[in-house]
Amino acid sequence: MAYRKRSTSPEQDKAENRLSGIKQFETKFDFGNGLNQDAYVAAIKNVADLTKKNNDLLTQVDGVSTALDQAEKDLATLSSRVLSGVASKYTQDSIEYEKAGGVRTSEIKKNRKAAVPKTT
């Protein structure tokens, strides 16, 4: 399952558009109290960097998830083969087979439908 990666956030787009608009009438703005162009550009860059880092990590997670899925399939195959090995050595009706996780053939219930008499 691929995780959904983010493009730019709506807030980042809005901030970039706002910065572009302000630059049309102020080459370098400073409104006091930390509201200046450098802080604004740094905050936009921070969001862009974190978005990239998030997407990179999601790519890594996708790779690990795919590897885990394959490892689980390989383990299931190996488990089945191990149980077959126990059956070949001790038979499918042995206690050892049951201890290894199998169902003994003598304990398998046959599915018999009750005979329903036909009415005419």
C-alpha atoms as a PDB file:
ATOM      1  CA  MET A   1       0.000   0.000   0.000  1.00  0.00           C
ATOM      2  CA  ALA A   2       1.529   3.243  -1.066  1.00  0.00           C
ATOM      3  CA  TYR A   3       1.130   6.093   1.349  1.00  0.00           C
ATOM      4  CA  ARG A   4      -0.252   9.320  -0.026  1.00  0.00           C
ATOM      5  CA  LYS A   5       2.486  11.861  -0.382  1.00  0.00           C
ATOM      6  CA  ARG A   6       1.907  15.586  -0.032  1.00  0.00           C
ATOM      7  CA  SER A   7       2.556  18.216  -2.597  1.00  0.00           C
ATOM      8  CA  THR A   8       2.723  21.770  -1.321  1.00  0.00           C
ATOM      9  CA  SER A   9       0.269  22.534   1.421  1.00  0.00           C
ATOM     10  CA  PRO A  10      -2.545  25.042   0.897  1.00  0.00           C
ATOM     11  CA  GLU A  11      -0.975  27.247   3.584  1.00  0.00           C
ATOM     12  CA  GLN A  12       2.371  27.153   1.788  1.00  0.00           C
ATOM     13  CA  ASP A  13       0.729  28.096  -1.518  1.00  0.00           C
ATOM     14  CA  LYS A  14      -1.177  30.931   0.146  1.00  0.00           C
ATOM     15  CA  ALA A  15       1.976  32.233   1.849  1.00  0.00           C
ATOM     16  CA  GLU A  16       3.995  32.127  -1.368  1.00  0.00           C
ATOM     17  CA  ASN A  17       1.251  33.997  -3.228  1.00  0.00           C
ATOM     18  CA  ARG A  18       1.016  36.545  -0.415  1.00  0.00           C
ATOM     19  CA  LEU A  19       4.796  37.041  -0.444  1.00  0.00           C
ATOM     20  CA  SER A  20       4.741  37.494  -4.209  1.00  0.00           C
ATOM     21  CA  GLY A  21       1.963  40.063  -3.900  1.00  0.00           C
ATOM     22  CA  ILE A  22       3.749  42.006  -1.156  1.00  0.00           C
ATOM     23  CA  LYS A  23       6.976  42.064  -3.187  1.00  0.00           C
ATOM     24  CA  GLN A  24       5.125  44.013  -5.887  1.00  0.00           C
ATOM     25  CA  PHE A  25       4.867  47.049  -3.628  1.00  0.00           C
ATOM     26  CA  GLU A  26       7.545  46.385  -0.949  1.00  0.00           C
ATOM     27  CA  THR A  27      10.969  45.122  -1.998  1.00  0.00           C
ATOM     28  CA  LYS A  28      11.947  44.226   1.577  1.00  0.00           C
ATOM     29  CA  PHE A  29       9.206  44.467   4.176  1.00  0.00           C
ATOM     30  CA  ASP A  30       9.446  44.763   7.945  1.00  0.00           C
ATOM     31  CA  PHE A  31       6.252  45.450   9.909  1.00  0.00           C
ATOM     32  CA  GLY A  32       7.868  45.129  13.344  1.00  0.00           C
ATOM     33  CA  ASN A  33       7.432  42.506  16.057  1.00  0.00           C
ATOM     34  CA  GLY A  34       9.141  39.828  13.945  1.00  0.00           C
ATOM     35  CA  LEU A  35       6.834  40.351  10.961  1.00  0.00           C
ATOM     36  CA  ASN A  36       9.551  40.698   8.369  1.00  0.00           C
ATOM     37  CA  GLN A  37      10.364  39.180   5.010  1.00  0.00           C
ATOM     38  CA  ASP A  38      13.246  37.041   6.271  1.00  0.00           C
ATOM     39  CA  ALA A  39      11.090  35.369   8.967  1.00  0.00           C
ATOM     40  CA  TYR A  40       8.261  34.837   6.476  1.00  0.00           C
ATOM     41  CA  VAL A  41      10.564  33.291   3.851  1.00  0.00           C
ATOM     42  CA  ALA A  42      12.156  31.095   6.553  1.00  0.00           C
ATOM     43  CA  ALA A  43       8.729  29.835   7.686  1.00  0.00           C
ATOM     44  CA  ILE A  44       7.732  29.029   4.087  1.00  0.00           C
ATOM     45  CA  LYS A  45      11.031  27.217   3.541  1.00  0.00           C
ATOM     46  CA  ASN A  46      10.550  25.280   6.793  1.00  0.00           C
ATOM     47  CA  VAL A  47       7.154  23.991   5.619  1.00  0.00           C
ATOM     48  CA  ALA A  48       8.623  23.059   2.222  1.00  0.00           C
ATOM     49  CA  ASP A  49      11.546  21.223   3.872  1.00  0.00           C
ATOM     50  CA  LEU A  50       9.258  19.332   6.254  1.00  0.00           C
ATOM     51  CA  THR A  51       6.957  18.360   3.370  1.00  0.00           C
ATOM     52  CA  LYS A  52       9.939  16.979   1.460  1.00  0.00           C
ATOM     53  CA  LYS A  53      11.183  15.124   4.561  1.00  0.00           C
ATOM     54  CA  ASN A  54       7.678  13.706   5.124  1.00  0.00           C
ATOM     55  CA  ASN A  55       7.516  12.462   1.521  1.00  0.00           C
ATOM     56  CA  ASP A  56      11.000  10.951   1.735  1.00  0.00           C
ATOM     57  CA  LEU A  57      10.080   9.067   4.905  1.00  0.00           C
ATOM     58  CA  LEU A  58       6.851   7.821   3.342  1.00  0.00           C
ATOM     59  CA  THR A  59       8.884   6.478   0.415  1.00  0.00           C
ATOM     60  CA  GLN A  60      11.113   4.616   2.860  1.00  0.00           C
ATOM     61  CA  VAL A  61       8.076   3.262   4.711  1.00  0.00           C
ATOM     62  CA  ASP A  62       6.629   2.030   1.413  1.00  0.00           C
ATOM     63  CA  GLY A  63       9.848   0.136   0.728  1.00  0.00           C
ATOM     64  CA  VAL A  64       9.926  -1.436   4.188  1.00  0.00           C
ATOM     65  CA  SER A  65       6.225  -2.290   3.967  1.00  0.00           C
ATOM     66  CA  THR A  66       6.752  -4.056   0.642  1.00  0.00           C
ATOM     67  CA  ALA A  67       9.720  -5.974   2.061  1.00  0.00           C
ATOM     68  CA  LEU A  68       7.669  -6.944   5.133  1.00  0.00           C
ATOM     69  CA  ASP A  69       4.796  -8.221   2.980  1.00  0.00           C
ATOM     70  CA  GLN A  70       7.198 -10.388   0.987  1.00  0.00           C
ATOM     71  CA  ALA A  71       8.927 -11.651   4.157  1.00  0.00           C
ATOM     72  CA  GLU A  72       5.544 -12.655   5.611  1.00  0.00           C
ATOM     73  CA  LYS A  73       4.681 -14.575   2.421  1.00  0.00           C
ATOM     74  CA  ASP A  74       8.071 -16.302   2.514  1.00  0.00           C
ATOM     75  CA  LEU A  75       7.554 -17.200   6.187  1.00  0.00           C
ATOM     76  CA  ALA A  76       4.085 -18.612   5.472  1.00  0.00           C
ATOM     77  CA  THR A  77       5.536 -20.781   2.709  1.00  0.00           C
ATOM     78  CA  LEU A  78       8.349 -21.949   4.967  1.00  0.00           C
ATOM     79  CA  SER A  79       5.910 -22.711   7.801  1.00  0.00           C
ATOM     80  CA  SER A  80       3.807 -24.804   5.451  1.00  0.00           C
ATOM     81  CA  ARG A  81       6.896 -26.685   4.275  1.00  0.00           C
ATOM     82  CA  VAL A  82       8.003 -27.301   7.889  1.00  0.00           C
ATOM     83  CA  LEU A  83       4.585 -28.739   8.725  1.00  0.00           C
ATOM     84  CA  SER A  84       4.827 -30.942   5.632  1.00  0.00           C
ATOM     85  CA  GLY A  85       8.248 -32.084   6.855  1.00  0.00           C
ATOM     86  CA  VAL A  86       6.778 -33.048  10.220  1.00  0.00           C
ATOM     87  CA  ALA A  87       3.974 -34.900   8.418  1.00  0.00           C
ATOM     88  CA  SER A  88       6.432 -36.785   6.227  1.00  0.00           C
ATOM     89  CA  LYS A  89       8.488 -37.866   9.233  1.00  0.00           C
ATOM     90  CA  TYR A  90       5.721 -38.593  11.758  1.00  0.00           C
ATOM     91  CA  THR A  91       2.542 -38.892   9.564  1.00  0.00           C
ATOM     92  CA  GLN A  92      -0.450 -36.564   9.527  1.00  0.00           C
ATOM     93  CA  ASP A  93      -2.170 -38.558  12.241  1.00  0.00           C
ATOM     94  CA  SER A  94       0.633 -38.239  14.797  1.00  0.00           C
ATOM     95  CA  ILE A  95       0.724 -36.276  18.014  1.00  0.00           C
ATOM     96  CA  GLU A  96       3.892 -34.565  16.759  1.00  0.00           C
ATOM     97  CA  TYR A  97       1.984 -33.248  13.723  1.00  0.00           C
ATOM     98  CA  GLU A  98      -0.686 -31.856  16.035  1.00  0.00           C
ATOM     99  CA  LYS A  99       1.946 -30.255  18.298  1.00  0.00           C
ATOM    100  CA  ALA A 100       3.462 -28.574  15.225  1.00  0.00           C
ATOM    101  CA  GLY A 101       0.111 -26.953  14.476  1.00  0.00           C
ATOM    102  CA  GLY A 102      -1.528 -29.419  12.124  1.00  0.00           C
ATOM    103  CA  VAL A 103      -4.891 -31.135  12.507  1.00  0.00           C
ATOM    104  CA  ARG A 104      -4.654 -34.895  12.800  1.00  0.00           C
ATOM    105  CA  THR A 105      -6.505 -36.788  10.088  1.00  0.00           C
ATOM    106  CA  SER A 106      -8.367 -38.841  12.690  1.00  0.00           C
ATOM    107  CA  GLU A 107      -9.762 -35.609  14.171  1.00  0.00           C
ATOM    108  CA  ILE A 108     -11.051 -34.147  10.927  1.00  0.00           C
ATOM    109  CA  LYS A 109     -14.825 -34.299  10.943  1.00  0.00           C
ATOM    110  CA  LYS A 110     -16.379 -35.288   7.707  1.00  0.00           C
ATOM    111  CA  ASN A 111     -19.073 -32.988   6.475  1.00  0.00           C
ATOM    112  CA  ARG A 112     -22.120 -35.184   6.180  1.00  0.00           C
ATOM    113  CA  LYS A 113     -25.398 -33.656   5.345  1.00  0.00           C
ATOM    114  CA  ALA A 114     -28.333 -35.148   7.172  1.00  0.00           C
ATOM    115  CA  ALA A 115     -30.422 -37.165   4.829  1.00  0.00           C
ATOM    116  CA  VAL A 116     -33.634 -35.289   4.326  1.00  0.00           C
ATOM    117  CA  PRO A 117     -36.478 -37.613   3.329  1.00  0.00           C
ATOM    118  CA  LYS A 118     -38.188 -36.601   0.174  1.00  0.00           C
ATOM    119  CA  THR A 119     -41.882 -35.966   0.505  1.00  0.00           C
ATOM    120  CA  THR A 120     -44.091 -36.682  -2.432  1.00  0.00           C
END
